[in-house]
Protein backbone atom coordinates (compact mmCIF):
# COMPACT_ATOMS: atom_id res chain seq x y z
CA MET A 1 -126.98 8.55 94.74
CA LYS A 2 -127.85 11.07 92.02
CA LEU A 3 -129.08 9.51 88.80
CA ALA A 4 -129.73 11.39 85.55
CA PHE A 5 -131.79 9.79 82.79
CA ILE A 6 -130.71 11.24 79.43
CA ILE A 7 -133.25 10.73 76.65
CA PRO A 8 -132.83 12.00 73.05
CA THR A 9 -136.01 13.26 71.41
CA ASN A 10 -137.30 15.22 68.41
CA LYS A 11 -139.67 18.16 68.47
CA SER A 12 -143.07 16.72 67.50
CA LYS A 13 -146.51 16.06 68.98
CA GLU A 14 -145.78 12.33 69.08
CA GLU A 15 -142.53 12.89 71.00
CA GLU A 16 -144.26 15.25 73.44
CA SER A 17 -146.77 12.48 74.19
CA LEU A 18 -143.95 9.96 74.71
CA ARG A 19 -142.16 12.33 77.11
CA GLU A 20 -145.30 12.69 79.19
CA LYS A 21 -145.89 8.93 79.28
CA LEU A 22 -142.30 8.20 80.31
CA PHE A 23 -142.27 10.84 83.03
CA PHE A 24 -145.45 9.66 84.76
CA HIS A 25 -144.32 6.04 84.46
CA MET A 26 -140.91 6.78 86.04
CA GLU A 27 -142.51 8.87 88.78
CA TYR A 28 -144.63 5.86 89.75
CA PHE A 29 -141.90 3.27 89.17
CA LEU A 30 -139.37 5.09 91.41
CA LYS A 31 -141.77 6.41 94.05
CA ASP A 32 -140.38 4.15 96.81
CA LYS A 33 -136.71 4.81 96.03
CA GLU A 34 -136.10 7.24 98.91
CA LYS A 35 -132.30 7.17 98.59
CA LEU A 36 -132.38 7.80 94.85
CA ASP A 37 -132.20 11.42 93.69
CA TRP A 38 -133.30 11.11 90.04
CA LYS A 39 -134.34 13.36 87.18
CA LEU A 40 -135.23 12.97 83.50
CA PHE A 41 -133.38 15.13 80.98
CA PHE A 42 -134.97 15.16 77.53
CA ILE A 43 -132.52 16.41 74.90
CA GLU A 44 -134.74 17.85 72.16
CA GLN A 45 -132.94 18.02 68.82
CA LEU A 46 -134.25 20.95 66.76
CA THR A 47 -132.18 20.12 63.68
CA LYS A 48 -134.27 18.56 60.91
CA LYS A 49 -131.67 15.87 60.32
CA PRO A 50 -132.31 12.33 61.61
CA LEU A 51 -131.82 12.05 65.37
CA ASN A 52 -128.18 12.03 66.48
CA TRP A 53 -128.43 9.81 69.55
CA GLY A 54 -124.76 9.95 70.55
CA LYS A 55 -124.50 13.71 70.35
CA CYS A 56 -127.73 14.18 72.35
CA PHE A 57 -126.39 11.78 75.00
CA ASN A 58 -123.13 13.77 75.19
CA ILE A 59 -125.00 17.07 75.52
CA GLY A 60 -127.11 15.70 78.36
CA ALA A 61 -124.05 14.35 80.15
CA LYS A 62 -122.30 17.71 79.81
CA PHE A 63 -125.17 19.56 81.51
CA VAL A 64 -125.67 17.10 84.37
CA THR A 65 -122.01 16.75 85.40
CA THR A 66 -121.18 20.39 86.10
CA ASP A 67 -119.71 21.53 89.41
CA GLU A 68 -123.03 23.15 90.32
CA GLU A 69 -125.18 20.11 89.50
CA PHE A 70 -123.28 16.83 89.45
CA TYR A 71 -125.06 13.53 88.86
CA ASN A 72 -122.69 10.67 89.63
CA TYR A 73 -124.62 8.08 87.57
CA LEU A 74 -126.02 8.36 84.05
CA VAL A 75 -128.65 6.30 82.24
CA PHE A 76 -128.86 6.68 78.46
CA GLN A 77 -132.26 5.51 77.35
CA ASP A 78 -134.69 5.24 74.46
CA ILE A 79 -137.81 7.37 75.10
CA ARG A 80 -140.04 4.39 74.21
CA LEU A 81 -138.75 2.12 76.98
CA HIS A 82 -140.57 1.83 80.33
CA PRO A 83 -139.05 -0.42 83.04
CA VAL A 84 -141.66 -2.91 84.24
CA PHE A 85 -140.30 -4.88 87.22
CA ASP A 86 -138.08 -3.58 90.00
CA ASN A 87 -134.98 -5.77 89.63
CA ASN A 88 -132.81 -3.18 91.43
CA ILE A 89 -131.50 -2.14 88.05
CA TYR A 90 -130.81 1.43 89.24
CA ASN A 91 -128.60 0.49 92.20
CA PRO A 92 -125.04 1.93 92.33
CA ILE A 93 -122.53 0.29 89.96
CA ASP A 94 -118.79 0.52 89.33
CA LYS A 95 -118.79 -0.43 85.63
CA PRO A 96 -120.79 0.17 82.44
CA MET A 97 -124.02 -1.81 82.79
CA HIS A 98 -126.55 -2.64 80.10
CA LEU A 99 -130.06 -2.65 81.57
CA GLY A 100 -132.32 -3.61 78.66
CA TYR A 101 -132.19 -7.38 78.76
CA SER A 102 -135.84 -8.16 77.93
CA TYR A 103 -138.36 -6.18 75.89
CA ILE A 104 -142.13 -6.56 75.87
CA GLY A 105 -144.12 -5.22 72.96
CA GLU A 106 -147.40 -3.45 73.74
CA GLU A 107 -149.35 -6.36 72.32
CA GLU A 108 -147.54 -8.82 74.67
CA TYR A 109 -147.87 -6.85 77.88
CA SER A 110 -150.23 -8.07 80.59
CA GLU A 111 -150.70 -7.25 84.27
CA ASP A 112 -150.42 -10.98 84.98
CA LEU A 113 -146.77 -11.15 83.88
CA SER A 114 -143.97 -11.56 86.43
CA SER A 115 -140.19 -11.36 86.15
CA GLU A 116 -140.06 -15.17 86.21
CA ASP A 117 -141.69 -15.22 82.78
CA PHE A 118 -138.53 -13.69 81.29
CA ILE A 119 -135.87 -15.72 83.06
CA ASN A 120 -134.81 -17.53 79.87
CA ASP A 121 -134.74 -14.44 77.65
CA GLN A 122 -131.64 -13.55 75.63
CA PRO A 123 -130.46 -10.10 74.48
CA LEU A 124 -131.39 -9.05 70.93
CA TYR A 125 -127.80 -10.03 70.04
CA GLN A 126 -124.85 -10.92 72.24
CA THR A 127 -123.03 -7.57 72.07
CA PHE A 128 -126.21 -5.45 72.17
CA ALA A 129 -125.70 -2.32 74.32
CA GLY A 130 -128.65 -0.22 73.16
CA GLY A 131 -132.03 0.66 74.63
CA SER A 132 -130.87 1.51 78.16
CA ILE A 133 -127.34 1.57 79.55
CA MET A 134 -126.06 2.92 82.86
CA ILE A 135 -122.55 4.12 83.66
CA PRO A 136 -120.79 6.06 86.45
CA SER A 137 -120.13 9.65 85.33
CA ASN A 138 -116.37 9.40 85.87
CA LEU A 139 -116.10 6.40 83.54
CA PHE A 140 -118.24 8.12 80.91
CA LYS A 141 -115.84 11.06 80.93
CA LEU A 142 -112.85 8.71 80.78
CA MET A 143 -114.15 7.06 77.59
CA ASN A 144 -114.89 10.44 75.97
CA GLY A 145 -118.61 9.69 75.82
CA PHE A 146 -120.40 8.64 72.64
CA SER A 147 -119.30 9.36 69.09
CA ASN A 148 -120.87 12.51 67.58
CA LYS A 149 -120.83 11.14 64.03
CA TYR A 150 -123.89 8.88 63.89
CA TRP A 151 -127.08 10.31 62.36
CA GLY A 152 -130.25 8.22 62.44
CA TYR A 153 -130.72 4.60 63.46
CA GLY A 154 -127.75 2.33 63.67
CA PHE A 155 -124.44 1.60 65.35
CA HIS A 156 -124.10 4.46 67.88
CA ASP A 157 -124.70 1.88 70.64
CA ASP A 158 -122.36 -0.67 69.02
CA ASP A 159 -119.74 2.07 68.81
CA PHE A 160 -120.24 2.77 72.53
CA PHE A 161 -119.54 -0.86 73.41
CA GLU A 162 -116.44 -0.81 71.19
CA ARG A 163 -115.23 2.22 73.17
CA ILE A 164 -115.71 0.28 76.40
CA LYS A 165 -113.55 -2.54 75.00
CA ILE A 166 -110.92 -0.25 73.45
CA LEU A 167 -110.37 1.63 76.72
CA ASN A 168 -110.34 -1.65 78.65
CA LEU A 169 -113.26 -0.82 80.91
CA PRO A 170 -114.91 -3.86 82.54
CA ILE A 171 -116.74 -6.20 80.16
CA ASP A 172 -118.34 -9.58 80.67
CA VAL A 173 -116.41 -12.43 79.04
CA LYS A 174 -117.96 -15.81 78.35
CA TYR A 175 -115.65 -18.73 79.14
CA THR A 176 -115.53 -22.11 77.47
CA LYS A 177 -113.46 -24.30 79.78
CA ASP A 178 -110.67 -23.98 82.28
CA THR A 179 -107.19 -24.20 80.78
CA GLU A 180 -104.28 -25.08 83.00
CA LEU A 181 -101.09 -23.06 82.80
CA ASN A 182 -97.79 -22.76 84.59
CA TYR A 183 -96.42 -19.41 85.66
CA ILE A 184 -93.83 -17.68 87.79
CA LYS A 185 -94.74 -15.55 90.79
CA LEU A 186 -92.72 -12.32 91.23
CA ASN A 187 -92.69 -10.37 94.48
CA GLY A 188 -92.13 -6.82 93.19
CA GLN A 189 -88.93 -6.37 95.22
CA THR A 190 -86.18 -8.86 94.38
CA SER A 191 -87.48 -11.44 91.89
CA TYR A 192 -86.93 -11.37 88.12
CA ALA A 193 -85.74 -13.56 85.24
CA GLN A 194 -83.04 -13.32 82.54
CA PHE A 195 -82.46 -15.25 79.30
CA THR A 196 -79.21 -17.20 79.37
CA GLU A 197 -78.24 -17.69 75.70
CA ASN A 198 -77.51 -14.15 74.56
CA GLU A 199 -76.52 -15.24 71.04
CA VAL A 200 -80.17 -16.00 70.36
CA ILE A 201 -81.37 -12.55 71.39
CA ASP A 202 -78.35 -10.24 71.06
CA GLY A 203 -79.39 -9.20 67.58
CA LEU A 204 -83.12 -9.45 68.25
CA PHE A 205 -83.81 -5.75 67.68
CA GLU A 206 -81.74 -5.65 64.49
CA ASP A 207 -84.33 -7.58 62.47
CA ASP A 208 -88.04 -8.45 62.47
CA PHE A 209 -89.36 -9.98 65.70
CA THR A 210 -92.48 -10.74 67.74
CA ILE A 211 -92.57 -11.10 71.53
CA ASN A 212 -95.60 -12.76 73.15
CA VAL A 213 -96.23 -12.86 76.94
CA LYS A 214 -99.13 -13.79 79.22
CA PHE A 215 -99.34 -11.96 82.55
CA LYS A 216 -101.51 -10.97 85.49
CA VAL A 217 -100.61 -8.22 87.98
CA ASP A 218 -101.64 -8.49 91.63
CA ARG A 219 -102.10 -4.73 91.97
CA ILE A 220 -101.25 -1.56 90.12
CA PRO A 221 -97.92 0.13 91.10
CA SER A 222 -98.46 2.31 94.18
CA PHE A 223 -96.12 5.19 93.43
CA ASP A 224 -96.00 7.80 90.69
CA VAL A 225 -92.78 8.90 89.03
CA SER A 226 -92.51 12.07 91.12
CA LYS A 227 -92.33 10.02 94.34
CA ASP A 228 -90.33 6.92 93.39
CA ASN A 229 -89.07 6.18 89.88
CA ASN A 230 -88.00 2.68 90.95
CA ARG A 231 -91.54 1.67 91.90
CA CYS A 232 -93.77 3.70 89.58
CA GLU A 233 -94.12 0.89 87.03
CA TYR A 234 -93.57 -2.83 86.51
CA GLN A 235 -91.41 -3.93 83.59
CA LEU A 236 -92.88 -7.03 82.02
CA ILE A 237 -90.13 -7.66 79.46
CA CYS A 238 -87.46 -5.25 78.24
CA LYS A 239 -83.93 -4.36 77.19
CA PRO A 240 -82.58 -2.03 79.91
CA GLY A 241 -80.84 1.34 79.77
CA PHE A 242 -83.26 3.20 77.64
CA HIS A 243 -85.92 0.64 78.57
CA SER A 244 -87.51 -0.61 75.34
CA GLY A 245 -90.25 -3.05 76.17
CA ILE A 246 -93.61 -3.58 77.83
CA SER A 247 -94.56 -2.29 81.28
CA ILE A 248 -97.51 -1.62 83.59
CA THR A 249 -97.69 1.93 84.93
CA ASN A 250 -99.06 3.69 88.01
CA ASN A 251 -101.88 5.03 85.79
CA SER A 252 -103.33 1.50 85.33
CA THR A 253 -102.03 1.26 81.77
CA LEU A 254 -100.20 -1.42 79.86
CA LYS A 255 -97.54 0.45 77.91
CA LEU A 256 -95.17 -0.21 75.01
CA ASN A 257 -92.04 1.98 75.04
CA VAL A 258 -89.71 1.91 72.04
CA PHE A 259 -86.53 3.97 71.85
CA ASP A 260 -85.05 4.51 68.41
CA SER A 261 -81.42 4.84 67.26
CA LYS A 262 -81.47 8.55 68.17
CA ASP A 263 -82.83 7.82 71.66
CA GLU A 264 -86.23 9.26 70.75
CA LEU A 265 -89.18 7.58 72.48
CA GLU A 266 -92.30 6.24 70.78
CA SER A 267 -95.02 4.74 72.98
CA THR A 268 -98.62 3.59 73.17
CA GLU A 269 -100.76 2.32 76.03
CA ILE A 270 -104.11 0.86 77.05
CA ARG A 271 -105.90 0.67 80.41
CA ILE A 272 -105.84 -2.68 82.24
CA GLN A 273 -107.09 -4.06 85.55
CA PRO A 274 -105.34 -6.11 88.24
CA LYS A 275 -106.10 -9.80 88.86
CA ILE A 276 -106.98 -10.48 85.20
CA TRP A 277 -104.86 -12.50 82.77
CA TYR A 278 -103.79 -10.67 79.60
CA ASP A 279 -102.00 -11.81 76.45
CA VAL A 280 -99.73 -9.14 74.93
CA ASN A 281 -97.71 -9.03 71.68
CA TRP A 282 -95.07 -6.63 70.43
CA SER A 283 -94.28 -7.16 66.75
CA TYR A 284 -91.59 -5.19 64.87
CA ASP A 285 -91.15 -4.77 61.11
CA ARG A 286 -87.57 -3.59 60.51
CA ASP A 287 -87.99 -2.65 56.82
CA ASN A 288 -91.08 -0.51 57.42
CA LEU A 289 -90.02 0.72 60.90
CA LEU A 290 -93.35 -0.45 62.32
CA SER A 291 -93.96 -1.44 65.96
CA SER A 292 -97.37 -3.06 66.44
CA PHE A 293 -98.90 -3.55 69.89
CA TYR A 294 -101.62 -6.19 70.48
CA VAL A 295 -103.58 -7.09 73.62
CA ASN A 296 -105.67 -10.28 73.72
CA GLY A 297 -105.27 -10.68 69.96
CA ARG A 298 -106.55 -7.16 69.19
CA LEU A 299 -104.42 -4.44 67.62
CA ILE A 300 -104.06 -1.45 69.94
CA ARG A 301 -101.79 0.63 67.70
CA SER A 302 -99.13 0.37 65.02
CA ILE A 303 -96.39 2.95 65.56
CA LYS A 304 -94.65 4.24 62.44
CA MET A 305 -91.15 5.06 63.65
CA LYS A 306 -88.76 7.59 62.12
CA ASN A 307 -85.65 5.52 62.84
CA PRO A 308 -84.79 1.87 63.61
CA ILE A 309 -84.95 0.60 67.19
CA LYS A 310 -81.97 1.47 69.36
CA ASN A 311 -79.06 -0.97 69.03
CA TYR A 312 -78.76 -2.62 72.44
CA ASP A 313 -75.84 -4.81 71.34
CA LYS A 314 -75.22 -7.49 74.01
CA CYS A 315 -77.65 -6.02 76.51
CA PRO A 316 -79.65 -8.78 78.30
CA LEU A 317 -83.36 -9.30 77.82
CA TYR A 318 -85.00 -9.15 81.25
CA VAL A 319 -88.35 -10.50 82.39
CA GLY A 320 -90.06 -8.86 85.37
CA VAL A 321 -87.59 -6.06 85.94
CA GLY A 322 -86.23 -2.94 84.26
CA ASN A 323 -82.63 -3.12 85.41
CA PRO A 324 -81.78 -5.01 88.63
CA LYS A 325 -78.28 -3.49 88.62
CA GLY A 326 -79.36 0.10 88.16
CA LYS A 327 -79.90 2.84 90.71
CA GLN A 328 -82.99 4.15 88.97
CA TRP A 329 -85.90 2.64 87.03
CA ARG A 330 -85.37 -0.83 88.48
CA SER A 331 -89.13 -1.41 88.11
CA TYR A 332 -89.53 -4.84 89.71
CA TYR A 333 -92.73 -6.60 88.62
CA GLU A 334 -95.36 -7.82 91.11
CA GLY A 335 -97.67 -10.56 89.89
CA ASN A 336 -97.66 -13.61 87.62
CA ILE A 337 -96.02 -14.19 84.24
CA SER A 338 -96.82 -17.22 82.12
CA THR A 339 -95.93 -18.45 78.62
CA ILE A 340 -93.23 -16.41 76.84
CA SER A 341 -92.52 -16.95 73.14
CA ILE A 342 -90.26 -14.99 70.78
CA TYR A 343 -90.25 -15.19 66.98
CA LYS A 344 -87.82 -13.82 64.41
CA LYS A 345 -90.73 -12.54 62.31
CA TYR A 346 -93.13 -9.62 62.12
CA MET A 347 -96.59 -11.16 62.55
CA ASP A 348 -99.66 -9.74 60.85
CA ALA A 349 -103.06 -9.33 62.54
CA LEU A 350 -104.32 -12.76 61.47
CA GLU A 351 -101.24 -14.52 62.83
CA ILE A 352 -101.50 -12.66 66.13
CA ASP A 353 -105.19 -13.55 66.39
CA GLN A 354 -104.46 -17.24 65.79
CA LEU A 355 -101.57 -17.25 68.26
CA PHE A 356 -103.89 -15.76 70.90
CA ASN A 357 -106.78 -18.12 70.23
CA TYR A 358 -104.91 -21.40 69.78
CA GLY A 359 -101.69 -21.03 71.78
CA VAL A 360 -98.05 -21.44 70.80
CA GLU A 361 -97.98 -25.19 70.16
CA SER A 362 -101.17 -25.31 68.09
CA PHE A 363 -100.06 -22.18 66.24
CA THR A 364 -96.72 -23.74 65.24
CA LYS A 365 -98.57 -26.80 63.85
CA THR A 366 -101.15 -24.86 61.84
CA ARG A 367 -98.94 -21.99 60.62
CA GLY A 368 -95.52 -23.62 60.68
CA ILE A 369 -93.99 -20.57 62.41
CA LEU A 370 -91.48 -21.76 64.99
CA PRO A 371 -90.38 -19.63 67.93
CA ILE A 372 -86.72 -18.95 68.55
CA THR A 373 -87.55 -19.02 72.28
CA TYR A 374 -90.48 -20.73 73.99
CA ILE A 375 -90.78 -20.78 77.80
CA PRO A 376 -94.02 -22.50 78.95
CA PHE A 377 -92.64 -23.04 82.50
CA LYS A 378 -93.33 -26.76 82.17
CA SER A 379 -89.84 -28.10 82.84
CA GLY A 380 -86.57 -26.96 84.33
CA TYR A 381 -83.87 -27.63 86.85
CA LYS A 382 -83.21 -25.71 90.07
CA ASN A 383 -83.44 -22.01 89.13
CA MET A 384 -83.75 -22.63 85.38
CA SER A 385 -86.90 -22.88 83.23
CA PHE A 386 -86.13 -24.66 79.97
CA ASP A 387 -86.55 -23.26 76.47
CA MET A 388 -88.76 -25.70 74.55
CA SER A 389 -87.76 -24.26 71.15
CA LYS A 390 -84.52 -26.31 71.33
CA ASN A 391 -82.40 -23.13 70.98
CA LEU A 392 -81.20 -23.53 74.57
CA ASN A 393 -82.25 -19.99 75.46
CA HIS A 394 -83.33 -20.99 78.95
CA LEU A 395 -84.73 -18.54 81.46
CA GLN A 396 -82.76 -18.08 84.66
CA LEU A 397 -85.11 -17.39 87.59
CA ILE A 398 -83.98 -15.18 90.47
CA GLN A 399 -86.12 -15.67 93.58
CA CYS A 400 -89.16 -16.77 91.54
CA ASP A 401 -91.52 -19.62 92.30
CA ILE A 402 -93.05 -21.75 89.52
CA LEU A 403 -96.72 -22.47 90.18
CA THR A 404 -99.64 -24.09 88.37
CA GLY A 405 -102.95 -22.31 87.97
CA VAL A 406 -105.99 -21.96 85.76
CA LEU A 407 -106.43 -19.51 82.91
CA LYS A 408 -110.01 -19.20 81.66
CA LYS A 409 -109.84 -19.10 77.90
CA ALA A 410 -112.34 -16.56 76.59
CA THR A 411 -114.62 -17.11 73.66
CA ILE A 412 -114.15 -14.80 70.68
CA LYS A 413 -117.02 -12.48 71.65
CA SER A 414 -117.18 -10.45 74.83
CA THR A 415 -120.43 -8.88 76.00
CA PRO A 416 -121.51 -5.93 78.15
CA TYR A 417 -122.24 -6.54 81.80
CA ARG A 418 -126.02 -6.76 82.12
CA LYS A 419 -128.73 -6.46 84.71
CA HIS A 420 -131.91 -8.30 83.87
CA GLY A 421 -133.98 -5.20 83.26
CA ILE A 422 -137.39 -5.84 81.71
CA PHE A 423 -138.89 -3.02 79.65
CA ARG A 424 -142.20 -2.38 77.99
CA TYR A 425 -141.75 -0.88 74.54
CA ASN A 426 -144.16 1.82 73.36
CA GLY A 427 -144.26 1.09 69.66
CA ASN A 428 -143.60 -1.75 67.23
CA ILE A 429 -140.49 -3.40 68.62
CA MET A 430 -140.22 -5.78 65.66
CA SER A 431 -139.83 -2.98 63.12
CA ASP A 432 -138.02 -0.43 65.31
CA TYR A 433 -135.36 -2.67 66.86
CA ILE A 434 -135.18 -6.17 65.45
CA GLY A 435 -136.16 -5.13 61.93
CA LYS A 436 -133.44 -2.49 61.85
CA LYS A 437 -130.64 -4.66 63.22
CA SER A 438 -129.19 -4.92 59.71
CA TYR A 439 -129.42 -1.14 59.15
CA THR A 440 -129.37 -1.71 55.41
CA ASN A 441 -130.18 1.94 54.71
CA ASN A 442 -127.40 3.41 56.83
CA LYS A 443 -124.14 2.26 55.30
CA ASN A 444 -122.40 5.47 56.38
CA ASN A 445 -122.93 4.61 60.07
CA TYR A 446 -121.48 1.15 59.48
CA LYS A 447 -118.42 2.78 57.91
CA ILE A 448 -117.98 5.01 60.97
CA LEU A 449 -118.19 1.99 63.28
CA THR A 450 -115.53 0.23 61.20
CA GLU A 451 -113.26 3.27 61.60
CA THR A 452 -113.66 3.10 65.38
CA VAL A 453 -112.91 -0.63 65.54
CA ASN A 454 -109.82 -0.31 63.33
CA GLY A 455 -108.63 3.05 64.67
CA GLY A 456 -108.77 2.15 68.34
CA GLU A 457 -107.95 4.62 71.10
CA PRO A 458 -106.77 7.52 68.87
CA VAL A 459 -110.20 7.57 67.17
CA VAL A 460 -112.03 7.39 70.51
CA LYS A 461 -110.02 10.31 71.89
CA SER A 462 -110.67 12.44 68.80
CA ASP A 463 -114.46 12.10 68.72
CA GLY A 464 -116.80 12.54 71.68
CA LEU A 465 -117.12 14.90 74.62
CA ASN A 466 -113.92 16.72 73.74
CA ASN A 467 -115.10 17.94 70.31
CA LEU A 468 -118.81 18.40 71.11
CA ARG A 469 -120.40 21.38 69.33
CA PHE A 470 -124.02 22.56 69.74
CA ARG A 471 -126.16 25.57 70.66
CA LEU A 472 -128.60 25.57 73.57
CA PHE A 473 -131.81 27.18 72.34
CA LYS A 474 -134.02 26.78 75.41
CA ARG A 475 -134.07 25.02 78.78
CA PHE A 476 -137.37 24.48 80.60
CA GLN A 477 -139.17 22.18 83.06
CA THR A 478 -142.52 21.43 81.45
CA VAL A 479 -143.82 18.31 79.77
CA GLY A 480 -146.84 19.29 77.68
CA ASN A 481 -148.57 21.91 79.81
CA ILE A 482 -147.44 20.45 83.13
CA SER A 483 -144.62 21.99 85.19
CA LEU A 484 -142.36 19.39 86.78
CA ASP A 485 -139.45 19.26 89.20
CA LYS A 486 -138.26 15.78 88.14
CA ALA A 487 -137.96 16.43 84.42
CA GLU A 488 -136.27 18.99 82.20
CA ILE A 489 -136.10 19.64 78.48
CA LEU A 490 -133.06 21.05 76.74
CA SER A 491 -133.79 22.22 73.19
CA VAL A 492 -130.56 22.20 71.18
CA GLN A 493 -129.45 22.94 67.67
CA LEU A 494 -126.74 20.62 66.33
């Protein structure tokens, strides 16, 4: 295991002293870790602007993940933090992991302390991802690193956690209580479902609509399109031919494909994981030619189309298959599908959020918006699951089993995965961290964070490792006057 610690720093006597302290502490702290190949990389910003943490982190990652010198794990850390107890926080991981759970100010530190003294500690705030965070190098590259836009204290770490959520990398979700749900199990080979009352959905694409589905895949499709176009994706719900609808691809993405009246394709996607329940919405505004894609109540992207959606006329609406009668792109779904509801209305972000948080039946009571089709898989007869909207648009099941399971309903806030790392802070933690939580003097950074949250994946892909600009001024292996083999300084101009 090769582990690179990347630490932003300024050029000053105080920072030189902090580098030296951190190095000798880490050398002692990691002395028994024989299987750990580690090194500290101090990224020294020569620019007189306030420290750009995200850009320094990106520069460090760029230098330590070359073909000649590849570190497969990265730790992004504040120079003032010294780990105190060995809680195996630097063991291999497969997801982004926040390490800085507990902080001890210099005035609180004592040799008599043990890790048990911090067992009831809480993070500075629930979504806090600053101080020290560890991530596999491949995932860091996938998420395009940190934003380069943040100067000075504030929000670069919050932005990083937003990127983790936007790209659907693993996050820790707090659950309230178990919620029972019914669902159909599809085998990926022969099972699918089809709506029976075509009059309800024949003209669905000719006006505003919203489609809502809950699903969980057992595994990601095994084949890519070059090997087998029938098994390279799972269709969740779609109109066949030019398949307009929602699917799961071989690239581990949940994808919305929309063909317009000129057979031109518009699409958007987001990474997902198997064995996790998701709630997805596709909402279409006919007048404004807008297709909006939501996952778990959060907007992924709104697509501004050039033309209306393709007219599918009397084409059926399938669930769990692309086209069971076709020779190509059959795309049978493997996994579970639960509640399906369809509305003859374009829903805004607030309505989607409420539908996700409260469910179809509570949503209809509070908002008065009734579905034209509602399949909760609660009642049926033989191979039919009944439409509870009273529009008789029942769902015919072909080789599907109806089962009952448990969906854990998440609270509104998700948090980073954490190890209970305990750190001593060299400085005044109250003023440096807790006192600056509000960042009242850095409104520009707050604005940038808002742009990331609202802009989603396109913003993440446009700002990070791929547009990193800097000049390396000097690279050397001394801390103060001491030559070292476990530490390196990169002086850079931004």
